Amino acid sequence: MASIRHQDTAVQCGPPQEAMAQIIGVRTPGAGDFETPIAGLAFFRRECPAPPVVCMVEPSIVLVAQGAKQMWVGGEAYPYDTSRFLVTSLNVPANSEVKVASPGQPCLGLVLKLDVRILAELIAQGSLPPPRDRPVGVGVGIGAATPAILAPFARLLELLDEPHAIPVLAPLIQREIHYRLLMSDQAARLRQIASVDGQGYRIARAIDWLKLNYALPLRIEELAARVQMSAPTFHHHFRQLTAMSPLQYQKWLRLNEAKRLMLSEHFDAAGAAFRVGYESPSQFSREYSRLFGAPPKRDIEVLRGAARGTDAPRHALASPA
């Protein structure tokens, strides 16, 4: 394993990434997503390039230790690899694409969920310098994988060989990672969500409500009032941060939950449509086809065939990694 003492040349020669790739490779026996004993930390492995698949990006940081990926949000591409990390400050519907991967050199990386409470606590301490830039666009950004960012991640992964130390040391290292992010070139984006008096924080609260109540009729004025915003201001900031209108966001949540119900709980299309709030199965089928590229029944048949090894899915539910 590469020593952390070499972190001053990490980005150029890659030892921290190589060490992390070795750790992740050992703990990912095949292509897929894998939880770890450390809360909020997951690994991913992809063994071939793949077109974009639909996913929900949670507030998180994604590091690639080997290979390259790309996230699409609102028609804009966010490429990331061993030199650049992906950070998301709130739940954003997106499409995840694998750019560089092979069976011999798989795309390996990690996802660490961010804790907005830790960010808020660190900001409230008042010892952080103000961010250099104001955030622009959606709640997704690409940051430089500097030695300061990589070092605590390397130490966090090393804890997997000391399971008895994880409960004590992992929270401390995770707090340091949050601090390093607030000192990084993505600080403004994270501050926007963690500041309780900011518009981004209010939009995050609205998203939390939508995730729990997606099947209910959506009244923009009522949701805006719930987070103490005017309807026009709420609509503007919601679209700015998510690249969707509130109604489009609700539709995305409904369609993905319907897909899960059909795939995992064997609902038929009409039953899934009604369960997630649609009154018209035909409208549901049209909107499902626009998002996933195929009508509900055909899409689910393809996915089930892929699970049996008889076909390859064109779209699939995916992690944000």
C-alpha atoms as a PDB file:
ATOM      1  CA  MET A   1       0.000   0.000   0.000  1.00  0.00           C
ATOM      2  CA  ALA A   2       1.347   3.437  -0.912  1.00  0.00           C
ATOM      3  CA  SER A   3       2.388   5.559   2.017  1.00  0.00           C
ATOM      4  CA  ILE A   4       0.491   8.738   2.786  1.00  0.00           C
ATOM      5  CA  ARG A   5       3.906  10.428   3.093  1.00  0.00           C
ATOM      6  CA  HIS A   6       3.965  10.547  -0.684  1.00  0.00           C
ATOM      7  CA  GLN A   7       0.766  12.569  -0.949  1.00  0.00           C
ATOM      8  CA  ASP A   8       2.587  15.709  -2.171  1.00  0.00           C
ATOM      9  CA  THR A   9       3.048  13.971  -5.527  1.00  0.00           C
ATOM     10  CA  ALA A  10      -0.201  11.975  -5.425  1.00  0.00           C
ATOM     11  CA  VAL A  11      -2.029  13.696  -8.243  1.00  0.00           C
ATOM     12  CA  GLN A  12       0.981  13.479 -10.580  1.00  0.00           C
ATOM     13  CA  CYS A  13       2.151   9.912  -9.965  1.00  0.00           C
ATOM     14  CA  GLY A  14      -0.995   8.434  -8.485  1.00  0.00           C
ATOM     15  CA  PRO A  15       0.105   6.363  -5.445  1.00  0.00           C
ATOM     16  CA  PRO A  16      -2.962   7.217  -3.294  1.00  0.00           C
ATOM     17  CA  GLN A  17      -5.303   6.314  -6.133  1.00  0.00           C
ATOM     18  CA  GLU A  18      -3.366   3.114  -6.826  1.00  0.00           C
ATOM     19  CA  ALA A  19      -3.528   2.142  -3.169  1.00  0.00           C
ATOM     20  CA  MET A  20      -7.249   2.876  -3.035  1.00  0.00           C
ATOM     21  CA  ALA A  21      -7.815   0.931  -6.256  1.00  0.00           C
ATOM     22  CA  GLN A  22      -6.068  -2.074  -4.704  1.00  0.00           C
ATOM     23  CA  ILE A  23      -8.262  -1.903  -1.583  1.00  0.00           C
ATOM     24  CA  ILE A  24     -11.456  -1.430  -3.598  1.00  0.00           C
ATOM     25  CA  GLY A  25     -10.533  -4.159  -6.085  1.00  0.00           C
ATOM     26  CA  VAL A  26     -10.072  -6.741  -3.342  1.00  0.00           C
ATOM     27  CA  ARG A  27     -13.452  -5.871  -1.844  1.00  0.00           C
ATOM     28  CA  THR A  28     -15.456  -5.836  -5.095  1.00  0.00           C
ATOM     29  CA  PRO A  29     -15.593  -9.422  -6.389  1.00  0.00           C
ATOM     30  CA  GLY A  30     -17.501  -8.440  -9.534  1.00  0.00           C
ATOM     31  CA  ALA A  31     -19.187  -5.584 -11.350  1.00  0.00           C
ATOM     32  CA  GLY A  32     -21.664  -3.770  -9.118  1.00  0.00           C
ATOM     33  CA  ASP A  33     -22.041  -1.650  -6.004  1.00  0.00           C
ATOM     34  CA  PHE A  34     -20.870  -2.820  -2.595  1.00  0.00           C
ATOM     35  CA  GLU A  35     -21.548  -1.513   0.894  1.00  0.00           C
ATOM     36  CA  THR A  36     -18.693  -1.385   3.394  1.00  0.00           C
ATOM     37  CA  PRO A  37     -18.559  -1.677   7.205  1.00  0.00           C
ATOM     38  CA  ILE A  38     -18.066   2.100   7.316  1.00  0.00           C
ATOM     39  CA  ALA A  39     -21.422   3.917   7.460  1.00  0.00           C
ATOM     40  CA  GLY A  40     -22.119   5.971   4.358  1.00  0.00           C
ATOM     41  CA  LEU A  41     -19.215   4.512   2.353  1.00  0.00           C
ATOM     42  CA  ALA A  42     -19.757   2.260  -0.667  1.00  0.00           C
ATOM     43  CA  PHE A  43     -17.511   0.931  -3.439  1.00  0.00           C
ATOM     44  CA  PHE A  44     -18.301   0.426  -7.114  1.00  0.00           C
ATOM     45  CA  ARG A  45     -16.758  -1.651  -9.881  1.00  0.00           C
ATOM     46  CA  ARG A  46     -17.531  -1.431 -13.610  1.00  0.00           C
ATOM     47  CA  GLU A  47     -15.805  -3.745 -16.093  1.00  0.00           C
ATOM     48  CA  CYS A  48     -16.768  -2.212 -19.428  1.00  0.00           C
ATOM     49  CA  PRO A  49     -17.870   1.175 -20.812  1.00  0.00           C
ATOM     50  CA  ALA A  50     -21.620   1.669 -20.588  1.00  0.00           C
ATOM     51  CA  PRO A  51     -24.109   4.244 -21.861  1.00  0.00           C
ATOM     52  CA  PRO A  52     -25.881   6.542 -19.392  1.00  0.00           C
ATOM     53  CA  VAL A  53     -28.357   4.944 -17.013  1.00  0.00           C
ATOM     54  CA  VAL A  54     -30.924   6.716 -14.859  1.00  0.00           C
ATOM     55  CA  CYS A  55     -29.970   7.303 -11.239  1.00  0.00           C
ATOM     56  CA  MET A  56     -30.683   9.517  -8.251  1.00  0.00           C
ATOM     57  CA  VAL A  57     -27.593  11.373  -7.067  1.00  0.00           C
ATOM     58  CA  GLU A  58     -27.634  11.789  -3.287  1.00  0.00           C
ATOM     59  CA  PRO A  59     -25.553  14.412  -1.483  1.00  0.00           C
ATOM     60  CA  SER A  60     -22.186  12.711  -1.788  1.00  0.00           C
ATOM     61  CA  ILE A  61     -18.636  12.770  -3.064  1.00  0.00           C
ATOM     62  CA  VAL A  62     -17.579  10.231  -5.685  1.00  0.00           C
ATOM     63  CA  LEU A  63     -13.901   9.397  -6.135  1.00  0.00           C
ATOM     64  CA  VAL A  64     -12.552   7.286  -8.990  1.00  0.00           C
ATOM     65  CA  ALA A  65      -9.426   5.309  -8.124  1.00  0.00           C
ATOM     66  CA  GLN A  66      -9.129   3.735 -11.585  1.00  0.00           C
ATOM     67  CA  GLY A  67     -10.927   4.421 -14.871  1.00  0.00           C
ATOM     68  CA  ALA A  68     -13.314   7.252 -15.675  1.00  0.00           C
ATOM     69  CA  LYS A  69     -17.024   8.066 -15.441  1.00  0.00           C
ATOM     70  CA  GLN A  70     -19.369  10.857 -16.408  1.00  0.00           C
ATOM     71  CA  MET A  71     -22.572  12.238 -14.927  1.00  0.00           C
ATOM     72  CA  TRP A  72     -25.261  13.904 -17.026  1.00  0.00           C
ATOM     73  CA  VAL A  73     -27.526  16.442 -15.311  1.00  0.00           C
ATOM     74  CA  GLY A  74     -29.905  18.688 -17.227  1.00  0.00           C
ATOM     75  CA  GLY A  75     -28.172  17.892 -20.513  1.00  0.00           C
ATOM     76  CA  GLU A  76     -24.743  18.903 -19.188  1.00  0.00           C
ATOM     77  CA  ALA A  77     -21.871  16.438 -18.782  1.00  0.00           C
ATOM     78  CA  TYR A  78     -19.719  16.244 -15.641  1.00  0.00           C
ATOM     79  CA  PRO A  79     -16.694  14.007 -16.360  1.00  0.00           C
ATOM     80  CA  TYR A  80     -14.611  12.697 -13.470  1.00  0.00           C
ATOM     81  CA  ASP A  81     -11.629  10.380 -13.111  1.00  0.00           C
ATOM     82  CA  THR A  82      -8.582   9.885 -10.902  1.00  0.00           C
ATOM     83  CA  SER A  83      -7.745  13.605 -11.013  1.00  0.00           C
ATOM     84  CA  ARG A  84     -11.276  14.984 -10.494  1.00  0.00           C
ATOM     85  CA  PHE A  85     -14.033  14.100  -8.045  1.00  0.00           C
ATOM     86  CA  LEU A  86     -17.780  14.493  -8.385  1.00  0.00           C
ATOM     87  CA  VAL A  87     -19.651  16.234  -5.586  1.00  0.00           C
ATOM     88  CA  THR A  88     -23.407  16.598  -5.235  1.00  0.00           C
ATOM     89  CA  SER A  89     -25.019  18.856  -2.682  1.00  0.00           C
ATOM     90  CA  LEU A  90     -28.606  17.594  -2.875  1.00  0.00           C
ATOM     91  CA  ASN A  91     -30.702  14.817  -4.412  1.00  0.00           C
ATOM     92  CA  VAL A  92     -30.518  15.313  -8.181  1.00  0.00           C
ATOM     93  CA  PRO A  93     -31.952  13.060 -10.918  1.00  0.00           C
ATOM     94  CA  ALA A  94     -29.168  12.259 -13.367  1.00  0.00           C
ATOM     95  CA  ASN A  95     -27.686   9.734 -15.774  1.00  0.00           C
ATOM     96  CA  SER A  96     -24.468   7.903 -14.925  1.00  0.00           C
ATOM     97  CA  GLU A  97     -22.095   6.813 -17.715  1.00  0.00           C
ATOM     98  CA  VAL A  98     -18.985   4.605 -17.607  1.00  0.00           C
ATOM     99  CA  LYS A  99     -16.313   6.039 -19.903  1.00  0.00           C
ATOM    100  CA  VAL A 100     -13.152   3.997 -19.245  1.00  0.00           C
ATOM    101  CA  ALA A 101     -13.268   0.420 -17.931  1.00  0.00           C
ATOM    102  CA  SER A 102     -12.258  -3.104 -18.933  1.00  0.00           C
ATOM    103  CA  PRO A 103     -12.164  -6.529 -17.266  1.00  0.00           C
ATOM    104  CA  GLY A 104      -8.395  -6.195 -16.838  1.00  0.00           C
ATOM    105  CA  GLN A 105      -8.537  -2.555 -15.707  1.00  0.00           C
ATOM    106  CA  PRO A 106     -12.007  -2.059 -14.207  1.00  0.00           C
ATOM    107  CA  CYS A 107     -13.368   1.307 -13.233  1.00  0.00           C
ATOM    108  CA  LEU A 108     -13.044   1.346  -9.435  1.00  0.00           C
ATOM    109  CA  GLY A 109     -14.150   3.989  -6.993  1.00  0.00           C
ATOM    110  CA  LEU A 110     -16.080   4.969  -3.921  1.00  0.00           C
ATOM    111  CA  VAL A 111     -19.105   6.975  -2.881  1.00  0.00           C
ATOM    112  CA  LEU A 112     -19.254   8.719   0.488  1.00  0.00           C
ATOM    113  CA  LYS A 113     -22.568  10.210   1.542  1.00  0.00           C
ATOM    114  CA  LEU A 114     -22.287  13.752   2.848  1.00  0.00           C
ATOM    115  CA  ASP A 115     -23.798  14.820   6.152  1.00  0.00           C
ATOM    116  CA  VAL A 116     -25.315  18.287   5.850  1.00  0.00           C
ATOM    117  CA  ARG A 117     -25.337  18.590   9.647  1.00  0.00           C
ATOM    118  CA  ILE A 118     -21.559  18.226   9.784  1.00  0.00           C
ATOM    119  CA  LEU A 119     -21.172  20.829   7.046  1.00  0.00           C
ATOM    120  CA  ALA A 120     -23.453  23.212   8.946  1.00  0.00           C
ATOM    121  CA  GLU A 121     -21.538  22.683  12.201  1.00  0.00           C
ATOM    122  CA  LEU A 122     -18.201  23.382  10.536  1.00  0.00           C
ATOM    123  CA  ILE A 123     -19.563  26.516   8.879  1.00  0.00           C
ATOM    124  CA  ALA A 124     -21.104  27.710  12.161  1.00  0.00           C
ATOM    125  CA  GLN A 125     -17.719  27.527  13.900  1.00  0.00           C
ATOM    126  CA  GLY A 126     -16.720  30.545  11.828  1.00  0.00           C
ATOM    127  CA  SER A 127     -13.104  29.501  11.260  1.00  0.00           C
ATOM    128  CA  LEU A 128     -13.457  28.720   7.542  1.00  0.00           C
ATOM    129  CA  PRO A 129     -12.428  31.298   4.946  1.00  0.00           C
ATOM    130  CA  PRO A 130     -15.229  32.569   2.690  1.00  0.00           C
ATOM    131  CA  PRO A 131     -15.522  30.669  -0.606  1.00  0.00           C
ATOM    132  CA  ARG A 132     -13.722  32.225  -3.542  1.00  0.00           C
ATOM    133  CA  ASP A 133     -16.555  31.736  -6.004  1.00  0.00           C
ATOM    134  CA  ARG A 134     -20.315  31.715  -5.998  1.00  0.00           C
ATOM    135  CA  PRO A 135     -21.920  28.424  -7.093  1.00  0.00           C
ATOM    136  CA  VAL A 136     -23.282  28.382 -10.619  1.00  0.00           C
ATOM    137  CA  GLY A 137     -25.832  25.972 -12.038  1.00  0.00           C
ATOM    138  CA  VAL A 138     -27.150  22.773 -10.512  1.00  0.00           C
ATOM    139  CA  GLY A 139     -26.153  21.159  -7.227  1.00  0.00           C
ATOM    140  CA  VAL A 140     -23.482  19.049  -8.952  1.00  0.00           C
ATOM    141  CA  GLY A 141     -19.851  19.963  -9.482  1.00  0.00           C
ATOM    142  CA  ILE A 142     -16.418  18.647 -10.380  1.00  0.00           C
ATOM    143  CA  GLY A 143     -13.508  19.343  -8.030  1.00  0.00           C
ATOM    144  CA  ALA A 144      -9.768  18.774  -8.147  1.00  0.00           C
ATOM    145  CA  ALA A 145      -8.649  15.576  -6.398  1.00  0.00           C
ATOM    146  CA  THR A 146      -5.886  17.293  -4.455  1.00  0.00           C
ATOM    147  CA  PRO A 147      -3.576  15.637  -1.915  1.00  0.00           C
ATOM    148  CA  ALA A 148      -5.590  17.321   0.864  1.00  0.00           C
ATOM    149  CA  ILE A 149      -8.755  15.556  -0.374  1.00  0.00           C
ATOM    150  CA  LEU A 150      -7.128  12.198  -1.102  1.00  0.00           C
ATOM    151  CA  ALA A 151      -5.199  11.779   2.159  1.00  0.00           C
ATOM    152  CA  PRO A 152      -8.183  11.344   4.540  1.00  0.00           C
ATOM    153  CA  PHE A 153      -9.885   9.019   2.062  1.00  0.00           C
ATOM    154  CA  ALA A 154      -6.779   6.832   1.992  1.00  0.00           C
ATOM    155  CA  ARG A 155      -6.806   6.681   5.791  1.00  0.00           C
ATOM    156  CA  LEU A 156     -10.528   5.919   5.820  1.00  0.00           C
ATOM    157  CA  LEU A 157     -10.026   2.941   3.508  1.00  0.00           C
ATOM    158  CA  GLU A 158      -7.126   1.671   5.592  1.00  0.00           C
ATOM    159  CA  LEU A 159      -9.553   1.343   8.522  1.00  0.00           C
ATOM    160  CA  LEU A 160     -11.184  -1.580   6.717  1.00  0.00           C
ATOM    161  CA  ASP A 161      -8.210  -3.653   7.871  1.00  0.00           C
ATOM    162  CA  GLU A 162      -8.888  -2.507  11.466  1.00  0.00           C
ATOM    163  CA  PRO A 163     -12.599  -3.170  11.967  1.00  0.00           C
ATOM    164  CA  HIS A 164     -12.362  -2.592  15.740  1.00  0.00           C
ATOM    165  CA  ALA A 165     -11.131   0.966  15.067  1.00  0.00           C
ATOM    166  CA  ILE A 166     -13.917   1.917  12.660  1.00  0.00           C
ATOM    167  CA  PRO A 167     -16.485   3.095  15.285  1.00  0.00           C
ATOM    168  CA  VAL A 168     -13.894   5.374  16.889  1.00  0.00           C
ATOM    169  CA  LEU A 169     -11.828   6.699  13.999  1.00  0.00           C
ATOM    170  CA  ALA A 170     -14.163   6.667  10.976  1.00  0.00           C
ATOM    171  CA  PRO A 171     -16.391   9.530  12.249  1.00  0.00           C
ATOM    172  CA  LEU A 172     -13.294  11.659  12.868  1.00  0.00           C
ATOM    173  CA  ILE A 173     -11.904  11.040   9.382  1.00  0.00           C
ATOM    174  CA  GLN A 174     -15.317  11.641   7.793  1.00  0.00           C
ATOM    175  CA  ARG A 175     -15.535  14.963   9.609  1.00  0.00           C
ATOM    176  CA  GLU A 176     -12.118  15.854   8.231  1.00  0.00           C
ATOM    177  CA  ILE A 177     -13.307  15.001   4.721  1.00  0.00           C
ATOM    178  CA  HIS A 178     -16.232  17.405   5.146  1.00  0.00           C
ATOM    179  CA  TYR A 179     -13.785  20.058   6.326  1.00  0.00           C
ATOM    180  CA  ARG A 180     -11.503  19.478   3.343  1.00  0.00           C
ATOM    181  CA  LEU A 181     -14.459  19.803   0.986  1.00  0.00           C
ATOM    182  CA  LEU A 182     -15.358  23.136   2.576  1.00  0.00           C
ATOM    183  CA  MET A 183     -11.768  24.222   1.900  1.00  0.00           C
ATOM    184  CA  SER A 184     -11.865  22.954  -1.701  1.00  0.00           C
ATOM    185  CA  ASP A 185     -12.917  24.527  -4.975  1.00  0.00           C
ATOM    186  CA  GLN A 186     -16.444  23.150  -4.335  1.00  0.00           C
ATOM    187  CA  ALA A 187     -16.916  24.991  -1.028  1.00  0.00           C
ATOM    188  CA  ALA A 188     -19.465  27.484  -2.350  1.00  0.00           C
ATOM    189  CA  ARG A 189     -21.692  24.725  -3.708  1.00  0.00           C
ATOM    190  CA  LEU A 190     -21.778  22.945  -0.350  1.00  0.00           C
ATOM    191  CA  ARG A 191     -22.267  26.124   1.656  1.00  0.00           C
ATOM    192  CA  GLN A 192     -25.304  26.909  -0.464  1.00  0.00           C
ATOM    193  CA  ILE A 193     -27.094  23.825   0.870  1.00  0.00           C
ATOM    194  CA  ALA A 194     -25.758  23.777   4.422  1.00  0.00           C
ATOM    195  CA  SER A 195     -26.569  27.410   5.280  1.00  0.00           C
ATOM    196  CA  VAL A 196     -29.972  27.281   6.983  1.00  0.00           C
ATOM    197  CA  ASP A 197     -30.819  30.834   5.931  1.00  0.00           C
ATOM    198  CA  GLY A 198     -30.085  30.168   2.247  1.00  0.00           C
ATOM    199  CA  GLN A 199     -32.336  29.311  -0.682  1.00  0.00           C
ATOM    200  CA  GLY A 200     -30.484  26.059  -1.340  1.00  0.00           C
ATOM    201  CA  TYR A 201     -31.293  24.777   2.142  1.00  0.00           C
ATOM    202  CA  ARG A 202     -34.978  25.514   1.566  1.00  0.00           C
ATOM    203  CA  ILE A 203     -34.956  23.696  -1.775  1.00  0.00           C
ATOM    204  CA  ALA A 204     -33.320  20.691  -0.082  1.00  0.00           C
ATOM    205  CA  ARG A 205     -36.171  20.665   2.457  1.00  0.00           C
ATOM    206  CA  ALA A 206     -38.704  20.775  -0.380  1.00  0.00           C
ATOM    207  CA  ILE A 207     -36.969  17.844  -2.070  1.00  0.00           C
ATOM    208  CA  ASP A 208     -37.132  15.854   1.161  1.00  0.00           C
ATOM    209  CA  TRP A 209     -40.891  16.498   1.271  1.00  0.00           C
ATOM    210  CA  LEU A 210     -41.331  15.475  -2.377  1.00  0.00           C
ATOM    211  CA  LYS A 211     -39.452  12.208  -1.837  1.00  0.00           C
ATOM    212  CA  LEU A 212     -41.891  11.267   0.919  1.00  0.00           C
ATOM    213  CA  ASN A 213     -45.061  12.543  -0.770  1.00  0.00           C
ATOM    214  CA  TYR A 214     -44.478  12.018  -4.500  1.00  0.00           C
ATOM    215  CA  ALA A 215     -47.837  10.237  -4.946  1.00  0.00           C
ATOM    216  CA  LEU A 216     -49.825  13.229  -3.705  1.00  0.00           C
ATOM    217  CA  PRO A 217     -51.048  16.032  -5.997  1.00  0.00           C
ATOM    218  CA  LEU A 218     -48.399  18.760  -6.133  1.00  0.00           C
ATOM    219  CA  ARG A 219     -49.438  22.346  -5.480  1.00  0.00           C
ATOM    220  CA  ILE A 220     -46.459  24.605  -6.014  1.00  0.00           C
ATOM    221  CA  GLU A 221     -47.813  27.459  -3.891  1.00  0.00           C
ATOM    222  CA  GLU A 222     -48.328  25.165  -0.908  1.00  0.00           C
ATOM    223  CA  LEU A 223     -44.890  23.564  -1.189  1.00  0.00           C
ATOM    224  CA  ALA A 224     -43.242  26.975  -1.589  1.00  0.00           C
ATOM    225  CA  ALA A 225     -45.041  28.231   1.507  1.00  0.00           C
ATOM    226  CA  ARG A 226     -43.947  25.124   3.404  1.00  0.00           C
ATOM    227  CA  VAL A 227     -40.294  26.141   2.907  1.00  0.00           C
ATOM    228  CA  GLN A 228     -41.031  29.856   3.368  1.00  0.00           C
ATOM    229  CA  MET A 229     -40.526  30.993  -0.214  1.00  0.00           C
ATOM    230  CA  SER A 230     -42.710  32.726  -2.756  1.00  0.00           C
ATOM    231  CA  ALA A 231     -43.876  30.488  -5.607  1.00  0.00           C
ATOM    232  CA  PRO A 232     -41.859  32.309  -8.340  1.00  0.00           C
ATOM    233  CA  THR A 233     -38.665  32.329  -6.231  1.00  0.00           C
ATOM    234  CA  PHE A 234     -39.161  28.688  -5.274  1.00  0.00           C
ATOM    235  CA  HIS A 235     -39.671  27.621  -8.898  1.00  0.00           C
ATOM    236  CA  HIS A 236     -36.601  29.567 -10.075  1.00  0.00           C
ATOM    237  CA  HIS A 237     -34.217  28.200  -7.457  1.00  0.00           C
ATOM    238  CA  PHE A 238     -35.591  24.652  -7.728  1.00  0.00           C
ATOM    239  CA  ARG A 239     -34.904  24.567 -11.464  1.00  0.00           C
ATOM    240  CA  GLN A 240     -31.513  26.208 -10.991  1.00  0.00           C
ATOM    241  CA  LEU A 241     -30.360  23.563  -8.520  1.00  0.00           C
ATOM    242  CA  THR A 242     -31.950  20.429  -9.996  1.00  0.00           C
ATOM    243  CA  ALA A 243     -32.212  21.297 -13.722  1.00  0.00           C
ATOM    244  CA  MET A 244     -35.906  20.366 -13.430  1.00  0.00           C
ATOM    245  CA  SER A 245     -39.146  22.029 -12.485  1.00  0.00           C
ATOM    246  CA  PRO A 246     -40.832  20.748  -9.305  1.00  0.00           C
ATOM    247  CA  LEU A 247     -43.446  18.955 -11.424  1.00  0.00           C
ATOM    248  CA  GLN A 248     -40.753  17.292 -13.560  1.00  0.00           C
ATOM    249  CA  TYR A 249     -38.943  16.226 -10.392  1.00  0.00           C
ATOM    250  CA  GLN A 250     -42.120  14.682  -8.971  1.00  0.00           C
ATOM    251  CA  LYS A 251     -42.698  12.864 -12.272  1.00  0.00           C
ATOM    252  CA  TRP A 252     -39.150  11.483 -12.175  1.00  0.00           C
ATOM    253  CA  LEU A 253     -39.696  10.181  -8.633  1.00  0.00           C
ATOM    254  CA  ARG A 254     -43.014   8.592  -9.587  1.00  0.00           C
ATOM    255  CA  LEU A 255     -41.671   6.848 -12.688  1.00  0.00           C
ATOM    256  CA  ASN A 256     -38.635   5.420 -10.931  1.00  0.00           C
ATOM    257  CA  GLU A 257     -40.715   4.149  -8.027  1.00  0.00           C
ATOM    258  CA  ALA A 258     -43.130   2.576 -10.515  1.00  0.00           C
ATOM    259  CA  LYS A 259     -40.199   0.875 -12.213  1.00  0.00           C
ATOM    260  CA  ARG A 260     -39.039  -0.488  -8.864  1.00  0.00           C
ATOM    261  CA  LEU A 261     -42.541  -1.779  -8.074  1.00  0.00           C
ATOM    262  CA  MET A 262     -42.798  -3.602 -11.403  1.00  0.00           C
ATOM    263  CA  LEU A 263     -39.269  -5.005 -11.288  1.00  0.00           C
ATOM    264  CA  SER A 264     -39.003  -5.942  -7.608  1.00  0.00           C
ATOM    265  CA  GLU A 265     -42.593  -6.399  -6.426  1.00  0.00           C
ATOM    266  CA  HIS A 266     -44.137  -7.693  -9.679  1.00  0.00           C
ATOM    267  CA  PHE A 267     -46.785  -4.994 -10.064  1.00  0.00           C
ATOM    268  CA  ASP A 268     -48.338  -4.709 -13.500  1.00  0.00           C
ATOM    269  CA  ALA A 269     -48.056  -1.356 -15.282  1.00  0.00           C
ATOM    270  CA  ALA A 270     -51.545  -0.151 -14.340  1.00  0.00           C
ATOM    271  CA  GLY A 271     -51.135  -1.118 -10.696  1.00  0.00           C
ATOM    272  CA  ALA A 272     -47.762   0.605 -10.462  1.00  0.00           C
ATOM    273  CA  ALA A 273     -49.149   3.706 -12.165  1.00  0.00           C
ATOM    274  CA  PHE A 274     -52.010   4.063  -9.689  1.00  0.00           C
ATOM    275  CA  ARG A 275     -49.759   3.329  -6.701  1.00  0.00           C
ATOM    276  CA  VAL A 276     -47.411   6.241  -7.534  1.00  0.00           C
ATOM    277  CA  GLY A 277     -50.192   8.732  -8.202  1.00  0.00           C
ATOM    278  CA  TYR A 278     -51.096   8.459 -11.896  1.00  0.00           C
ATOM    279  CA  GLU A 279     -54.797   8.496 -12.768  1.00  0.00           C
ATOM    280  CA  SER A 280     -54.274   7.530 -16.415  1.00  0.00           C
ATOM    281  CA  PRO A 281     -52.331   4.356 -17.328  1.00  0.00           C
ATOM    282  CA  SER A 282     -51.908   5.632 -20.885  1.00  0.00           C
ATOM    283  CA  GLN A 283     -50.310   8.857 -19.646  1.00  0.00           C
ATOM    284  CA  PHE A 284     -48.074   6.799 -17.386  1.00  0.00           C
ATOM    285  CA  SER A 285     -46.988   4.611 -20.312  1.00  0.00           C
ATOM    286  CA  ARG A 286     -46.168   7.642 -22.485  1.00  0.00           C
ATOM    287  CA  GLU A 287     -44.114   9.352 -19.794  1.00  0.00           C
ATOM    288  CA  TYR A 288     -42.371   6.114 -18.820  1.00  0.00           C
ATOM    289  CA  SER A 289     -41.351   5.553 -22.443  1.00  0.00           C
ATOM    290  CA  ARG A 290     -39.921   9.073 -22.694  1.00  0.00           C
ATOM    291  CA  LEU A 291     -37.743   8.564 -19.616  1.00  0.00           C
ATOM    292  CA  PHE A 292     -36.622   4.959 -20.061  1.00  0.00           C
ATOM    293  CA  GLY A 293     -36.790   4.566 -23.840  1.00  0.00           C
ATOM    294  CA  ALA A 294     -39.344   1.736 -23.903  1.00  0.00           C
ATOM    295  CA  PRO A 295     -42.928   1.073 -22.707  1.00  0.00           C
ATOM    296  CA  PRO A 296     -43.197  -0.301 -19.153  1.00  0.00           C
ATOM    297  CA  LYS A 297     -43.910  -3.930 -20.002  1.00  0.00           C
ATOM    298  CA  ARG A 298     -41.143  -4.212 -22.599  1.00  0.00           C
ATOM    299  CA  ASP A 299     -38.616  -2.414 -20.408  1.00  0.00           C
ATOM    300  CA  ILE A 300     -39.249  -4.708 -17.439  1.00  0.00           C
ATOM    301  CA  GLU A 301     -39.073  -7.807 -19.664  1.00  0.00           C
ATOM    302  CA  VAL A 302     -35.666  -6.689 -20.960  1.00  0.00           C
ATOM    303  CA  LEU A 303     -34.383  -6.059 -17.433  1.00  0.00           C
ATOM    304  CA  ARG A 304     -35.605  -9.433 -16.195  1.00  0.00           C
ATOM    305  CA  GLY A 305     -34.076 -11.105 -19.240  1.00  0.00           C
ATOM    306  CA  ALA A 306     -30.768  -9.440 -18.444  1.00  0.00           C
ATOM    307  CA  ALA A 307     -30.958 -10.763 -14.897  1.00  0.00           C
ATOM    308  CA  ARG A 308     -31.333 -14.258 -16.369  1.00  0.00           C
ATOM    309  CA  GLY A 309     -28.455 -13.604 -18.760  1.00  0.00           C
ATOM    310  CA  THR A 310     -30.650 -13.690 -21.862  1.00  0.00           C
ATOM    311  CA  ASP A 311     -30.544 -10.032 -22.863  1.00  0.00           C
ATOM    312  CA  ALA A 312     -28.888  -6.744 -22.017  1.00  0.00           C
ATOM    313  CA  PRO A 313     -30.856  -3.873 -20.540  1.00  0.00           C
ATOM    314  CA  ARG A 314     -30.898  -0.532 -22.278  1.00  0.00           C
ATOM    315  CA  HIS A 315     -31.683   1.223 -19.039  1.00  0.00           C
ATOM    316  CA  ALA A 316     -31.414   0.222 -15.420  1.00  0.00           C
ATOM    317  CA  LEU A 317     -31.754   1.707 -11.993  1.00  0.00           C
ATOM    318  CA  ALA A 318     -28.306   2.741 -10.880  1.00  0.00           C
ATOM    319  CA  SER A 319     -26.356   4.124  -7.992  1.00  0.00           C
ATOM    320  CA  PRO A 320     -24.941   7.630  -8.256  1.00  0.00           C
ATOM    321  CA  ALA A 321     -21.431   6.241  -8.622  1.00  0.00           C
END
